[in-house]
Protein backbone atom coordinates (compact mmCIF):
# COMPACT_ATOMS: atom_id res chain seq x y z
CA MET A 1 -16.63 11.95 -9.29
CA GLU A 2 -19.25 14.10 -7.57
CA ALA A 3 -21.92 12.68 -9.89
CA ALA A 4 -20.80 9.13 -9.10
CA LEU A 5 -20.95 9.91 -5.38
CA ALA A 6 -24.46 11.35 -5.70
CA GLN A 7 -25.67 8.16 -7.41
CA GLU A 8 -23.84 5.59 -5.26
CA GLN A 9 -26.10 3.70 -2.85
CA ASP A 10 -23.57 1.36 -1.21
CA PRO A 11 -22.45 3.03 2.07
CA ARG A 12 -18.98 1.50 1.84
CA LEU A 13 -18.42 2.77 -1.68
CA ARG A 14 -19.87 6.17 -0.71
CA ARG A 15 -17.30 6.32 2.11
CA ASP A 16 -14.48 5.52 -0.30
CA LEU A 17 -15.66 7.98 -2.96
CA THR A 18 -16.06 10.74 -0.36
CA ALA A 19 -12.53 10.18 0.95
CA TYR A 20 -11.06 10.10 -2.56
CA LEU A 21 -12.98 13.19 -3.64
CA ASN A 22 -11.73 15.09 -0.57
CA GLU A 23 -8.17 14.00 -1.29
CA MET A 24 -8.39 15.14 -4.92
CA ARG A 25 -9.81 18.50 -3.83
CA GLN A 26 -6.82 18.99 -1.52
CA VAL A 27 -4.43 18.10 -4.34
CA ALA A 28 -6.16 20.54 -6.70
CA ASN A 29 -5.93 23.29 -4.07
CA ALA A 30 -2.21 22.62 -3.52
CA LEU A 31 -1.18 22.49 -7.19
CA PRO A 32 -0.81 26.27 -7.69
CA ILE A 33 1.70 26.57 -4.83
CA LEU A 34 3.78 23.43 -5.46
CA THR A 35 7.24 23.76 -6.94
CA LEU A 36 9.43 20.97 -8.27
CA ARG A 37 12.61 20.48 -6.29
CA LEU A 38 15.19 17.82 -7.02
CA PRO A 39 16.74 16.01 -4.03
CA ASP A 40 19.88 17.32 -2.38
CA VAL A 41 20.80 13.86 -1.06
CA THR A 42 20.21 10.44 -2.55
CA PHE A 43 21.05 6.95 -1.31
CA GLU A 44 21.21 3.39 -2.63
CA GLN A 45 20.09 1.17 0.27
CA ARG A 46 20.70 2.88 3.59
CA LEU A 47 21.22 6.40 4.90
CA VAL A 48 21.82 6.96 8.62
CA PHE A 49 20.88 10.17 10.44
CA ALA A 50 22.64 10.32 13.81
CA GLY A 51 21.29 12.83 16.28
CA SER A 52 22.29 13.60 19.86
CA LYS A 53 19.50 11.42 21.32
CA ARG A 54 18.67 8.86 18.64
CA ALA A 55 19.45 7.57 15.19
CA ALA A 56 17.14 7.18 12.25
CA VAL A 57 17.82 5.07 9.20
CA LEU A 58 16.35 5.62 5.77
CA LEU A 59 16.13 2.16 4.19
CA THR A 60 15.08 0.58 0.95
CA PHE A 61 14.85 -3.13 0.28
CA GLY A 62 13.85 -2.57 -3.35
CA GLY A 63 10.55 -1.95 -5.06
CA GLY A 64 7.38 -3.75 -4.05
CA HIS A 65 4.51 -1.31 -3.90
CA SER A 66 6.29 1.00 -6.31
CA PRO A 67 9.52 0.73 -8.30
CA SER A 68 11.47 2.35 -5.45
CA ASP A 69 10.12 2.05 -1.90
CA ALA A 70 11.86 3.61 1.07
CA PHE A 71 10.96 3.93 4.74
CA LEU A 72 12.27 5.63 7.86
CA TYR A 73 13.33 3.28 10.67
CA PHE A 74 14.16 4.09 14.30
CA PRO A 75 16.00 0.96 15.49
CA GLU A 76 16.10 1.75 19.22
CA GLU A 77 12.36 2.39 19.34
CA GLY A 78 11.36 -0.43 16.97
CA LEU A 79 9.43 2.20 15.01
CA ALA A 80 9.10 2.67 11.26
CA PHE A 81 7.31 5.12 8.99
CA MET A 82 6.55 2.65 6.22
CA SER A 83 4.93 4.77 3.49
CA ASP A 84 2.71 2.63 1.26
CA LEU A 85 4.71 -0.55 1.85
CA ILE A 86 2.30 -1.10 4.75
CA GLN A 87 -1.37 -0.22 4.58
CA VAL A 88 -3.86 -1.06 7.30
CA ASP A 89 -7.55 -1.73 6.65
CA PHE A 90 -7.00 -0.35 3.16
CA HIS A 91 -6.75 -2.19 -0.19
CA PRO A 92 -3.26 -1.42 -1.51
CA ALA A 93 -2.94 -0.58 -5.19
CA MET A 94 -0.60 -3.10 -6.80
CA HIS A 95 -0.52 -1.84 -10.40
CA ASP A 96 2.77 0.06 -10.10
CA GLY A 97 4.63 -2.60 -8.18
CA ASP A 98 5.86 -6.15 -8.05
CA PRO A 99 3.81 -8.32 -5.68
CA GLY A 100 6.48 -11.04 -5.45
CA GLU A 101 9.14 -8.50 -4.56
CA TRP A 102 6.69 -6.85 -2.15
CA LEU A 103 6.34 -10.14 -0.26
CA GLN A 104 10.14 -10.45 -0.02
CA ILE A 105 10.38 -6.88 1.27
CA LEU A 106 7.67 -7.57 3.87
CA ALA A 107 9.66 -10.58 5.10
CA ARG A 108 12.74 -8.39 5.53
CA VAL A 109 10.71 -5.72 7.32
CA GLU A 110 9.20 -8.38 9.58
CA ALA A 111 12.74 -9.41 10.57
CA LEU A 112 13.20 -5.90 12.02
CA GLN A 113 10.68 -6.90 14.74
CA LEU A 114 8.92 -3.56 14.75
CA ASN A 115 6.83 -2.51 17.74
CA THR A 116 5.12 0.38 16.00
CA ILE A 117 4.38 1.07 12.35
CA VAL A 118 3.09 4.29 10.85
CA PRO A 119 1.55 3.03 7.59
CA GLY A 120 0.97 4.89 4.35
CA HIS A 121 -2.78 4.39 4.83
CA GLY A 122 -4.65 3.44 7.97
CA PRO A 123 -4.05 3.75 11.70
CA VAL A 124 -0.76 3.38 13.53
CA CYS A 125 -0.30 -0.33 14.22
CA SER A 126 2.00 -3.09 15.44
CA GLY A 127 4.21 -5.38 13.39
CA GLN A 128 1.25 -7.74 12.94
CA ALA A 129 0.10 -5.55 10.05
CA ILE A 130 3.00 -6.90 7.99
CA GLY A 131 1.54 -10.41 8.05
CA GLN A 132 -1.93 -9.15 7.25
CA LEU A 133 -0.72 -7.35 4.13
CA ALA A 134 1.35 -10.37 3.09
CA GLN A 135 -1.77 -12.52 3.50
CA TYR A 136 -3.72 -10.13 1.26
CA ILE A 137 -1.14 -10.37 -1.52
CA GLN A 138 -0.92 -14.17 -1.21
CA VAL A 139 -4.70 -14.69 -1.16
CA LEU A 140 -5.20 -12.55 -4.27
CA ALA A 141 -2.40 -14.38 -6.06
CA GLN A 142 -4.05 -17.71 -5.16
CA MET A 143 -7.42 -16.46 -6.40
CA VAL A 144 -5.79 -15.60 -9.73
CA GLU A 145 -4.09 -18.98 -9.92
CA ASP A 146 -7.38 -20.80 -9.25
CA ALA A 147 -9.45 -18.76 -11.72
CA GLY A 148 -10.23 -20.14 -15.15
CA SER A 149 -10.76 -16.73 -16.75
CA LEU A 150 -10.65 -13.06 -15.90
CA GLU A 151 -14.44 -12.88 -16.02
CA GLU A 152 -14.68 -15.76 -13.53
CA LEU A 153 -12.14 -14.06 -11.28
CA LEU A 154 -13.83 -10.67 -11.24
CA VAL A 155 -17.19 -12.02 -10.05
CA GLN A 156 -15.69 -13.64 -6.96
CA ASP A 157 -16.52 -12.19 -3.56
CA MET A 158 -13.92 -10.32 -1.60
CA PRO A 159 -12.35 -12.47 1.15
CA ALA A 160 -13.96 -11.84 4.54
CA PHE A 161 -10.75 -10.63 6.23
CA CYS A 162 -10.51 -7.61 3.91
CA ALA A 163 -14.18 -7.01 3.09
CA SER A 164 -14.48 -3.98 5.39
CA TRP A 165 -11.26 -2.31 4.24
CA GLN A 166 -11.33 1.11 2.60
CA ALA A 167 -10.76 1.58 -1.13
CA ALA A 168 -12.84 -1.50 -2.01
CA PRO A 169 -12.78 -0.88 -5.80
CA ILE A 170 -9.01 -1.43 -5.74
CA PHE A 171 -9.64 -5.10 -4.90
CA LYS A 172 -10.98 -5.83 -8.40
CA GLU A 173 -8.25 -3.67 -9.97
CA ASN A 174 -5.65 -5.75 -8.12
CA LEU A 175 -7.22 -9.00 -9.31
CA GLU A 176 -7.19 -7.77 -12.91
CA PHE A 177 -3.57 -6.58 -12.61
CA LEU A 178 -2.44 -9.89 -11.13
CA TYR A 179 -4.34 -11.87 -13.76
CA GLN A 180 -2.82 -9.87 -16.63
CA ARG A 181 0.62 -10.22 -15.10
CA ALA A 182 0.22 -13.97 -14.59
CA HIS A 183 -0.96 -14.43 -18.19
CA ASN A 184 1.50 -11.97 -19.77
CA LEU A 185 -1.33 -9.83 -21.13
């Protein structure tokens, strides 16, 4: 990865490689001190934590980004810590999830009328980020539907609304994943 970074000329890709390399270094440094611990509490759809001043709700609407997505919701504040279900200015990896289910989950999250979202990647944002991510998934799905072949699909330019997002290489990975899924490959 360091060699790829040293050779990369595109400033956007250099930014992404630098961020990823730093993240992997942190993971490597943490590995010797990590221990596996199974959960003490599990839940199916909803788990409420009631405190003296506020309540928090751990929710899952199913699996969209991953097979089992959960997020922490503060109803009175209209605040949610969304994990990777919401990503802002960042290409979300789709290869472990179900884009159709993800869109349904986003619609249910949008119905919560959130004021503030802490995303899995990107800056704290408003509920408008939900629509932006849904648009991303829909646009990529449409690109796949319109493409005659995978080769034709992979040479297409990134849509302007997401061209400046971080993790740009994931865009092509998402197109390939969606194409393979659509064609049962």
